Amino acid sequence: MNTAEEKPAGTESDKPGFVRSIPGSLLINAALAVVILASALWLPPISLAKRLLDRGYATIGPESWSVADPDGTQLTVPAEALRGPLKARLTSIPRANLIGGKGGEELIRAAQSVPSFLDVKSPLYRLSLRGEMPSAAVLTIPIPNDAQPYETLDLYAWTQTGWSWVPSKVIGAEDLI
C-alpha cells in the first residue's frame, strides 16, 4: 500500500494546481488547438500568408507573359528575358489624384517634384514585381486623350530621388507609347 510519501510519479497530485483544474486544462487545449489551426493555415498547401501577400499579383510565365491595367497599359516580359519565378502587379493612379496630391505622402512628393517644363497627361502607373527581375520588358501605354502633338510626348519614371526620363517610342498610328 502506498503512503502519501510513496505516490507513483504522474499522479494528479504531482501536477500543478492550474493544470489539474478543468478551466486550466480547457485553456491549454484551446491554446494548442489555435496553434495547430494557425500552423495548418500558414504552411503549405494552404499557405494563407503567401496568398494574402500575393493578392493582386499575376504570375508571369508560360500561361501569361503580361500584366495589364484596365485602361490598356500592359507590361510584357519576353520568355527569354525571364530569369526565374516572377509575379507582377500593375495599377494606376488617376491623373487628377496625382496632380491633386491625393493618395499618400509619396504621391504628394511626386506631384510637387514634377518639373515645370512637364505637363502630366496620363495616370501614374505603379509596377510592383516579386521574384527574379527580368532582363528585359516591354511597357505599352495607350496615348492619353488630349495629348496632341504626339511629338512632344515623353515617358518619365518616378523614383524616391525624383523624375527621370525613360527612352520610349510614340506609335501614333496605333495610339501607343
Protein backbone atom coordinates (compact mmCIF):
# COMPACT_ATOMS: atom_id res chain seq x y z
CA MET A 1 0.00 0.00 0.00
CA ASN A 2 1.28 3.44 -0.96
CA THR A 3 1.55 6.17 1.56
CA ALA A 4 1.45 9.88 0.81
CA GLU A 5 5.20 9.89 0.54
CA GLU A 6 5.31 6.93 -1.89
CA LYS A 7 2.93 8.16 -4.61
CA PRO A 8 3.80 6.94 -8.07
CA ALA A 9 5.06 9.60 -10.49
CA GLY A 10 2.45 11.14 -12.80
CA THR A 11 -0.45 11.15 -10.39
CA GLU A 12 -2.83 14.11 -10.17
CA SER A 13 -1.19 15.46 -7.03
CA ASP A 14 2.18 15.81 -8.84
CA LYS A 15 0.71 18.27 -11.41
CA PRO A 16 0.49 22.00 -10.66
CA GLY A 17 -2.91 23.15 -9.41
CA PHE A 18 -3.65 25.15 -12.60
CA VAL A 19 -3.21 22.12 -14.86
CA ARG A 20 -5.31 19.92 -12.55
CA SER A 21 -8.23 22.32 -12.77
CA ILE A 22 -10.80 21.90 -15.53
CA PRO A 23 -10.58 25.55 -16.69
CA GLY A 24 -6.78 25.26 -16.86
CA SER A 25 -6.98 22.11 -18.98
CA LEU A 26 -9.53 23.71 -21.29
CA LEU A 27 -7.34 26.78 -21.70
CA ILE A 28 -4.28 24.71 -22.56
CA ASN A 29 -6.28 22.60 -25.05
CA ALA A 30 -7.75 25.72 -26.67
CA ALA A 31 -4.28 27.29 -27.00
CA LEU A 32 -2.93 24.12 -28.59
CA ALA A 33 -5.90 23.99 -30.98
CA VAL A 34 -5.23 27.61 -32.03
CA VAL A 35 -1.54 26.86 -32.62
CA ILE A 36 -2.38 23.77 -34.70
CA LEU A 37 -5.00 25.65 -36.74
CA ALA A 38 -2.67 28.61 -37.34
CA SER A 39 0.10 26.24 -38.45
CA ALA A 40 -2.26 24.46 -40.84
CA LEU A 41 -3.30 27.77 -42.40
CA TRP A 42 0.24 29.18 -42.52
CA LEU A 43 2.03 26.16 -44.02
CA PRO A 44 1.52 24.51 -47.44
CA PRO A 45 -0.75 23.53 -49.09
CA ILE A 46 -2.96 26.40 -47.84
CA SER A 47 -0.17 28.99 -47.27
CA LEU A 48 -2.60 31.71 -46.25
CA ALA A 49 0.14 34.31 -45.63
CA LYS A 50 1.58 33.85 -49.11
CA ARG A 51 -1.89 34.04 -50.67
CA LEU A 52 -2.65 37.28 -48.83
CA LEU A 53 0.71 38.85 -49.69
CA ASP A 54 0.43 37.84 -53.37
CA ARG A 55 -3.08 39.26 -53.70
CA GLY A 56 -3.35 41.28 -56.88
CA TYR A 57 -0.15 39.87 -58.36
CA ALA A 58 -0.21 37.85 -61.59
CA THR A 59 2.30 35.11 -62.30
CA ILE A 60 4.42 35.86 -65.35
CA GLY A 61 5.27 32.70 -67.25
CA PRO A 62 4.12 30.25 -69.93
CA GLU A 63 0.43 30.77 -69.16
CA SER A 64 0.66 34.58 -69.37
CA TRP A 65 3.63 36.73 -70.28
CA SER A 66 1.97 40.03 -69.42
CA VAL A 67 0.00 42.00 -66.86
CA ALA A 68 -2.39 44.80 -67.82
CA ASP A 69 -4.19 47.78 -66.34
CA PRO A 70 -7.88 48.24 -67.22
CA ASP A 71 -7.02 51.28 -69.39
CA GLY A 72 -4.96 49.09 -71.75
CA THR A 73 -1.50 49.72 -70.35
CA GLN A 74 0.42 46.46 -70.47
CA LEU A 75 3.75 45.11 -69.26
CA THR A 76 5.03 42.15 -71.27
CA VAL A 77 8.06 40.07 -70.36
CA PRO A 78 9.56 38.12 -73.28
CA ALA A 79 10.08 34.42 -72.49
CA GLU A 80 13.84 34.67 -73.00
CA ALA A 81 14.04 37.58 -70.53
CA LEU A 82 12.53 35.64 -67.62
CA ARG A 83 15.28 34.59 -65.20
CA GLY A 84 13.15 32.83 -62.60
CA PRO A 85 9.77 32.98 -60.88
CA LEU A 86 8.14 36.38 -61.27
CA LYS A 87 4.89 37.93 -60.10
CA ALA A 88 3.78 41.38 -61.22
CA ARG A 89 1.09 43.89 -60.37
CA LEU A 90 0.27 46.94 -62.48
CA THR A 91 -2.00 49.61 -61.04
CA SER A 92 -2.71 53.21 -61.93
CA ILE A 93 -3.37 56.41 -60.02
CA PRO A 94 -5.64 58.78 -61.95
CA ARG A 95 -4.01 61.95 -63.25
CA ALA A 96 -6.36 64.14 -61.16
CA ASN A 97 -5.30 62.30 -57.98
CA LEU A 98 -1.62 62.71 -58.82
CA ILE A 99 -1.92 66.41 -59.60
CA GLY A 100 -4.17 66.95 -56.57
CA GLY A 101 -1.72 65.14 -54.29
CA LYS A 102 -4.30 62.55 -53.25
CA GLY A 103 -3.07 59.09 -52.46
CA GLY A 104 -0.42 59.31 -49.81
CA GLU A 105 2.78 61.08 -48.90
CA GLU A 106 4.79 59.61 -51.77
CA LEU A 107 2.27 60.86 -54.35
CA ILE A 108 2.35 64.32 -52.82
CA ARG A 109 6.15 64.36 -53.16
CA ALA A 110 5.88 63.07 -56.75
CA ALA A 111 3.32 65.74 -57.68
CA GLN A 112 5.37 68.50 -56.09
CA SER A 113 8.50 67.30 -57.88
CA VAL A 114 7.12 67.35 -61.44
CA PRO A 115 9.47 69.65 -63.36
CA SER A 116 7.89 72.89 -64.58
CA PHE A 117 8.60 72.01 -68.22
CA LEU A 118 6.42 68.86 -67.98
CA ASP A 119 2.65 68.65 -68.30
CA VAL A 120 1.21 65.41 -66.89
CA LYS A 121 -1.16 63.86 -69.44
CA SER A 122 -1.74 60.33 -68.16
CA PRO A 123 -2.28 58.41 -64.94
CA LEU A 124 0.71 57.41 -62.85
CA TYR A 125 1.34 53.69 -63.30
CA ARG A 126 2.73 51.64 -60.46
CA LEU A 127 4.56 48.44 -61.27
CA SER A 128 5.34 46.06 -58.43
CA LEU A 129 7.47 42.98 -59.03
CA ARG A 130 8.16 39.99 -56.79
CA GLY A 131 10.79 37.46 -57.71
CA GLU A 132 13.66 37.50 -60.17
CA MET A 133 13.96 40.73 -62.18
CA PRO A 134 13.64 40.01 -65.90
CA SER A 135 16.47 41.08 -68.19
CA ALA A 136 14.01 42.94 -70.44
CA ALA A 137 10.37 44.00 -70.56
CA VAL A 138 8.08 45.98 -72.85
CA LEU A 139 5.65 48.55 -71.47
CA THR A 140 2.90 49.73 -73.82
CA ILE A 141 0.73 52.67 -72.82
CA PRO A 142 -2.27 53.99 -74.72
CA ILE A 143 -1.76 57.61 -75.73
CA PRO A 144 -3.93 59.65 -73.38
CA ASN A 145 -6.72 61.84 -74.68
CA ASP A 146 -5.76 65.45 -75.14
CA ALA A 147 -2.09 64.59 -75.75
CA GLN A 148 -1.53 66.34 -79.08
CA PRO A 149 1.03 66.97 -80.51
CA TYR A 150 2.45 63.44 -80.25
CA GLU A 151 5.96 64.70 -80.98
CA THR A 152 6.09 66.25 -77.50
CA LEU A 153 5.14 63.08 -75.61
CA ASP A 154 7.76 61.55 -73.35
CA LEU A 155 7.76 58.92 -70.67
CA TYR A 156 9.07 59.61 -67.17
CA ALA A 157 9.58 57.35 -64.16
CA TRP A 158 9.26 58.38 -60.53
CA THR A 159 11.79 57.08 -58.02
CA GLN A 160 12.38 58.24 -54.46
CA THR A 161 15.08 60.56 -55.81
CA GLY A 162 12.89 62.24 -58.45
CA TRP A 163 11.63 62.04 -62.02
CA SER A 164 13.81 60.53 -64.73
CA TRP A 165 13.29 60.32 -68.47
CA VAL A 166 12.66 56.84 -69.88
CA PRO A 167 13.53 56.12 -73.52
CA SER A 168 10.31 55.42 -75.40
CA LYS A 169 8.75 55.49 -78.83
CA VAL A 170 5.41 57.04 -79.79
CA ILE A 171 3.49 54.96 -82.32
CA GLY A 172 0.82 57.44 -83.40
CA ALA A 173 -0.85 55.11 -85.90
CA GLU A 174 -1.63 52.66 -83.08
CA ASP A 175 -2.18 55.30 -80.36
CA LEU A 176 0.56 53.73 -78.21
CA ILE A 177 3.70 54.80 -76.42
